[in-house]
Amino acid sequence: MRDLLYINEELFANKLINLIILLHCNNLHKLLKLRYSQPYILRTMFYSIIWRLMISPISKDAKRKSESESITFRVERNVLDKLRAEAERKMESVNILGNQIFKEYVYWHPPAAEAGMMYTSKKNLVRIMDNLTEEQINQIVDEHLKDEFIGEVEMITGEYDIISYLRAVENWMSASGIHYRHDVKDRIHTYVILLEMGKKWSYFFEKSFKGAFKTMNTKDAEVNATDDTVVLKLSID
């Protein structure tokens, strides 16, 4: 790490940009070797799936339309090829995709790291959850809502309100490859979330969303779950 202090600033910036783009296009996830003997490690890992699998531009600045500025970068050919292929697959321009990648890094990674989030294996999370009882799941949800929830929302979004929270959840689902549908009719927002992580994870998210809405004093919010799907319905003025 000490050597990085002596790298040319422009060279370092270009290397960083190439790394961000490559990580985004390949959708790589860092798998951590964890010991599960301590409850607080389990709780931290469970709630990292809510936030850390997702990448999103969440901040006050992201809500406002900002002025754009032109800048030139040199990008390695193999990285640029992957970026072009990804843009073509998503049927959008390289410029739009590049801006998304930069926003994802600026507005998500540093605050998420400061909030104690981490990457972990989705399959391992399913294995662990399948070995928990509903009573243990309830305890994890209750402890998180009491001790960490408000601080995490404020750290990641910069605000603490239902709109910021839902935006974070929606970006998490998009970045995690979780299929969902969001409909709005007469100020009623309906989210249909296809988790495909098993019955106990559906139960976990059902309890988590109910607890989050209660903690945020969200009135007339409904949460229902099946073995693979969670449905949210709430009114937002």
Protein backbone atom coordinates (compact mmCIF):
# COMPACT_ATOMS: atom_id res chain seq x y z
CA MET A 1 0.00 0.00 0.00
CA ARG A 2 2.88 2.36 0.72
CA ASP A 3 4.03 2.15 -2.91
CA LEU A 4 0.70 3.55 -4.09
CA LEU A 5 1.60 6.91 -2.61
CA TYR A 6 4.34 7.32 -5.20
CA ILE A 7 2.35 6.36 -8.32
CA ASN A 8 1.70 9.12 -10.83
CA GLU A 9 -1.76 10.59 -10.12
CA GLU A 10 -2.99 10.33 -13.73
CA LEU A 11 -1.73 6.75 -14.07
CA PHE A 12 -3.35 5.75 -10.79
CA ALA A 13 -6.66 7.34 -11.82
CA ASN A 14 -6.72 5.45 -15.12
CA LYS A 15 -5.84 2.16 -13.41
CA LEU A 16 -8.63 2.71 -10.90
CA ILE A 17 -11.15 3.44 -13.65
CA ASN A 18 -10.15 0.28 -15.53
CA LEU A 19 -10.57 -1.76 -12.36
CA ILE A 20 -14.01 -0.32 -11.60
CA ILE A 21 -15.26 -1.01 -15.13
CA LEU A 22 -13.82 -4.53 -15.19
CA LEU A 23 -15.37 -5.41 -11.84
CA HIS A 24 -18.74 -4.07 -12.96
CA CYS A 25 -18.84 -5.87 -16.28
CA ASN A 26 -17.69 -9.21 -14.90
CA ASN A 27 -19.98 -8.91 -11.84
CA LEU A 28 -17.25 -10.33 -9.62
CA HIS A 29 -17.87 -10.80 -5.93
CA LYS A 30 -15.24 -11.19 -3.25
CA LEU A 31 -15.87 -14.25 -1.14
CA LEU A 32 -14.75 -13.96 2.45
CA LYS A 33 -13.78 -16.82 4.73
CA LEU A 34 -15.72 -16.23 7.92
CA ARG A 35 -16.15 -17.99 11.21
CA TYR A 36 -19.75 -18.35 12.20
CA SER A 37 -19.31 -18.97 15.91
CA GLN A 38 -20.05 -15.40 16.96
CA PRO A 39 -23.64 -14.09 16.64
CA TYR A 40 -22.63 -10.55 15.71
CA ILE A 41 -20.71 -11.84 12.69
CA LEU A 42 -23.78 -13.75 11.53
CA ARG A 43 -25.98 -10.69 11.97
CA THR A 44 -23.56 -8.48 10.07
CA MET A 45 -23.33 -10.98 7.23
CA PHE A 46 -27.09 -11.38 6.98
CA TYR A 47 -27.70 -7.67 6.68
CA SER A 48 -24.89 -7.17 4.24
CA ILE A 49 -27.06 -9.07 1.73
CA ILE A 50 -29.70 -6.36 2.06
CA TRP A 51 -27.34 -3.54 1.17
CA ARG A 52 -23.94 -4.73 -0.02
CA LEU A 53 -24.97 -6.96 -2.91
CA MET A 54 -26.39 -3.97 -4.42
CA ILE A 55 -24.63 -0.99 -5.88
CA SER A 56 -26.45 2.30 -6.21
CA PRO A 57 -26.06 6.07 -6.52
CA ILE A 58 -27.73 7.07 -3.23
CA SER A 59 -27.17 10.61 -2.01
CA LYS A 60 -28.65 14.06 -1.99
CA ASP A 61 -26.53 14.97 -5.00
CA ALA A 62 -27.90 11.98 -6.93
CA LYS A 63 -31.42 13.36 -6.60
CA ARG A 64 -30.54 16.60 -8.31
CA LYS A 65 -29.69 16.86 -11.97
CA SER A 66 -26.09 17.98 -12.06
CA GLU A 67 -24.12 19.62 -14.82
CA SER A 68 -21.98 17.33 -16.91
CA GLU A 69 -18.35 17.86 -17.84
CA SER A 70 -16.22 16.24 -20.52
CA ILE A 71 -13.05 14.38 -19.59
CA THR A 72 -10.80 11.99 -21.50
CA PHE A 73 -9.46 8.66 -20.20
CA ARG A 74 -7.28 5.99 -21.71
CA VAL A 75 -8.91 2.60 -21.14
CA GLU A 76 -7.33 -0.78 -21.76
CA ARG A 77 -8.69 -2.41 -24.91
CA ASN A 78 -9.97 -5.59 -23.24
CA VAL A 79 -11.82 -3.51 -20.63
CA LEU A 80 -13.32 -1.26 -23.30
CA ASP A 81 -14.44 -4.29 -25.31
CA LYS A 82 -16.26 -5.63 -22.26
CA LEU A 83 -17.81 -2.23 -21.64
CA ARG A 84 -19.07 -1.99 -25.22
CA ALA A 85 -20.48 -5.51 -25.08
CA GLU A 86 -22.28 -4.74 -21.82
CA ALA A 87 -23.70 -1.51 -23.23
CA GLU A 88 -24.95 -3.34 -26.32
CA ARG A 89 -26.56 -6.03 -24.18
CA LYS A 90 -28.37 -3.39 -22.13
CA MET A 91 -29.24 -1.45 -25.29
CA GLU A 92 -27.70 1.81 -24.08
CA SER A 93 -24.70 3.91 -24.99
CA VAL A 94 -21.21 3.40 -23.60
CA ASN A 95 -21.40 6.92 -22.21
CA ILE A 96 -24.54 6.15 -20.19
CA LEU A 97 -23.09 2.90 -18.89
CA GLY A 98 -19.82 4.60 -18.00
CA ASN A 99 -21.66 7.25 -15.99
CA GLN A 100 -23.57 4.53 -14.16
CA ILE A 101 -20.33 2.80 -13.24
CA PHE A 102 -18.73 6.00 -11.92
CA LYS A 103 -21.83 6.84 -9.89
CA GLU A 104 -21.93 3.33 -8.48
CA TYR A 105 -18.39 3.69 -7.21
CA VAL A 106 -18.70 7.25 -5.89
CA TYR A 107 -22.07 6.93 -4.19
CA TRP A 108 -22.01 3.33 -3.00
CA HIS A 109 -18.64 1.74 -2.25
CA PRO A 110 -17.09 4.24 0.23
CA PRO A 111 -20.22 4.80 2.38
CA ALA A 112 -21.08 1.10 2.33
CA ALA A 113 -17.58 0.21 3.50
CA GLU A 114 -17.78 2.80 6.26
CA ALA A 115 -21.13 1.32 7.32
CA GLY A 116 -19.47 -2.08 7.76
CA MET A 117 -20.92 -3.79 4.70
CA MET A 118 -19.21 -6.64 2.88
CA TYR A 119 -19.56 -9.09 0.02
CA THR A 120 -20.31 -12.72 0.72
CA SER A 121 -21.58 -15.81 -1.08
CA LYS A 122 -25.32 -15.94 -1.73
CA LYS A 123 -25.26 -19.74 -1.64
CA ASN A 124 -23.55 -19.75 1.75
CA LEU A 125 -26.17 -17.35 3.09
CA VAL A 126 -28.91 -19.71 1.92
CA ARG A 127 -27.18 -22.65 3.61
CA ILE A 128 -26.86 -20.76 6.89
CA MET A 129 -30.43 -19.46 6.85
CA ASP A 130 -31.81 -22.94 6.19
CA ASN A 131 -30.28 -24.07 9.49
CA LEU A 132 -31.93 -21.35 11.57
CA THR A 133 -35.28 -21.55 13.31
CA GLU A 134 -37.93 -18.85 12.91
CA GLU A 135 -37.24 -17.80 16.50
CA GLN A 136 -33.56 -17.24 15.69
CA ILE A 137 -34.48 -15.30 12.54
CA ASN A 138 -36.84 -13.09 14.55
CA GLN A 139 -34.07 -12.39 17.05
CA ILE A 140 -31.63 -11.38 14.29
CA VAL A 141 -34.20 -9.03 12.72
CA ASP A 142 -35.11 -7.45 16.06
CA GLU A 143 -31.48 -6.88 17.08
CA HIS A 144 -30.62 -5.34 13.73
CA LEU A 145 -33.60 -2.97 13.76
CA LYS A 146 -32.75 -1.91 17.31
CA ASP A 147 -28.97 -1.56 17.02
CA GLU A 148 -27.99 -0.91 13.41
CA PHE A 149 -30.84 -0.15 11.00
CA ILE A 150 -31.14 3.64 11.40
CA GLY A 151 -27.38 4.16 11.32
CA GLU A 152 -26.98 2.04 8.19
CA VAL A 153 -29.71 3.89 6.29
CA GLU A 154 -28.24 7.27 7.20
CA MET A 155 -24.69 6.18 6.40
CA ILE A 156 -25.55 4.73 2.98
CA THR A 157 -28.20 7.18 1.74
CA GLY A 158 -27.25 10.33 3.64
CA GLU A 159 -30.88 10.59 4.76
CA TYR A 160 -33.44 8.72 6.82
CA ASP A 161 -36.81 8.60 5.11
CA ILE A 162 -38.94 6.05 3.32
CA ILE A 163 -38.12 7.29 -0.19
CA SER A 164 -34.35 6.99 0.36
CA TYR A 165 -34.80 3.57 1.92
CA LEU A 166 -36.90 2.25 -0.96
CA ARG A 167 -34.47 3.68 -3.50
CA ALA A 168 -31.65 1.80 -1.79
CA VAL A 169 -33.66 -1.42 -1.77
CA GLU A 170 -34.54 -1.01 -5.44
CA ASN A 171 -30.93 -0.43 -6.44
CA TRP A 172 -29.85 -3.39 -4.33
CA MET A 173 -32.27 -5.63 -6.21
CA SER A 174 -31.12 -4.36 -9.61
CA ALA A 175 -27.44 -4.80 -8.85
CA SER A 176 -27.97 -8.20 -7.25
CA GLY A 177 -29.81 -9.61 -10.24
CA ILE A 178 -33.00 -10.02 -8.22
CA HIS A 179 -36.05 -9.79 -10.47
CA TYR A 180 -38.70 -7.37 -9.29
CA ARG A 181 -41.56 -5.25 -10.53
CA HIS A 182 -42.44 -1.78 -9.27
CA ASP A 183 -45.87 -0.37 -10.09
CA VAL A 184 -47.35 2.96 -9.01
CA LYS A 185 -51.06 3.72 -9.12
CA ASP A 186 -52.80 6.52 -7.25
CA ARG A 187 -49.72 7.00 -5.03
CA ILE A 188 -49.79 3.30 -4.10
CA HIS A 189 -46.37 1.71 -4.69
CA THR A 190 -46.33 -2.04 -5.21
CA TYR A 191 -43.13 -4.08 -5.31
CA VAL A 192 -43.21 -7.74 -6.36
CA ILE A 193 -39.82 -9.25 -5.51
CA LEU A 194 -38.78 -12.67 -6.81
CA LEU A 195 -36.06 -13.75 -4.37
CA GLU A 196 -35.65 -17.45 -5.21
CA MET A 197 -33.64 -17.96 -2.02
CA GLY A 198 -35.96 -20.36 -0.24
CA LYS A 199 -38.78 -20.18 2.27
CA LYS A 200 -36.70 -18.99 5.22
CA TRP A 201 -35.12 -16.09 3.34
CA SER A 202 -38.59 -15.03 2.21
CA TYR A 203 -39.65 -15.11 5.85
CA PHE A 204 -36.52 -13.16 6.83
CA PHE A 205 -37.21 -10.40 4.32
CA GLU A 206 -40.89 -10.30 5.22
CA LYS A 207 -40.00 -9.69 8.88
CA SER A 208 -37.27 -7.21 7.91
CA PHE A 209 -39.50 -5.10 5.68
CA LYS A 210 -42.31 -5.10 8.24
CA GLY A 211 -39.88 -4.04 10.94
CA ALA A 212 -38.31 -1.37 8.75
CA PHE A 213 -41.67 0.15 7.84
CA LYS A 214 -42.73 0.14 11.49
CA THR A 215 -39.45 1.73 12.58
CA MET A 216 -39.88 4.45 9.94
CA ASN A 217 -43.53 5.03 10.95
CA THR A 218 -44.80 4.10 7.51
CA LYS A 219 -48.58 3.89 7.68
CA ASP A 220 -50.74 1.40 5.77
CA ALA A 221 -47.76 -0.62 4.57
CA GLU A 222 -48.44 -4.24 3.65
CA VAL A 223 -45.85 -7.02 3.36
CA ASN A 224 -46.69 -10.56 2.23
CA ALA A 225 -44.44 -13.48 1.34
CA THR A 226 -44.53 -16.87 -0.33
CA ASP A 227 -41.70 -19.40 -0.55
CA ASP A 228 -39.86 -17.36 -3.21
CA THR A 229 -41.63 -14.01 -3.43
CA VAL A 230 -42.12 -10.94 -1.26
CA VAL A 231 -44.76 -8.32 -2.08
CA LEU A 232 -44.64 -4.78 -0.66
CA LYS A 233 -47.51 -2.32 -0.94
CA LEU A 234 -47.46 1.16 0.58
CA SER A 235 -48.74 4.67 0.01
CA ILE A 236 -46.26 7.51 -0.54
CA ASP A 237 -47.42 11.11 -0.82
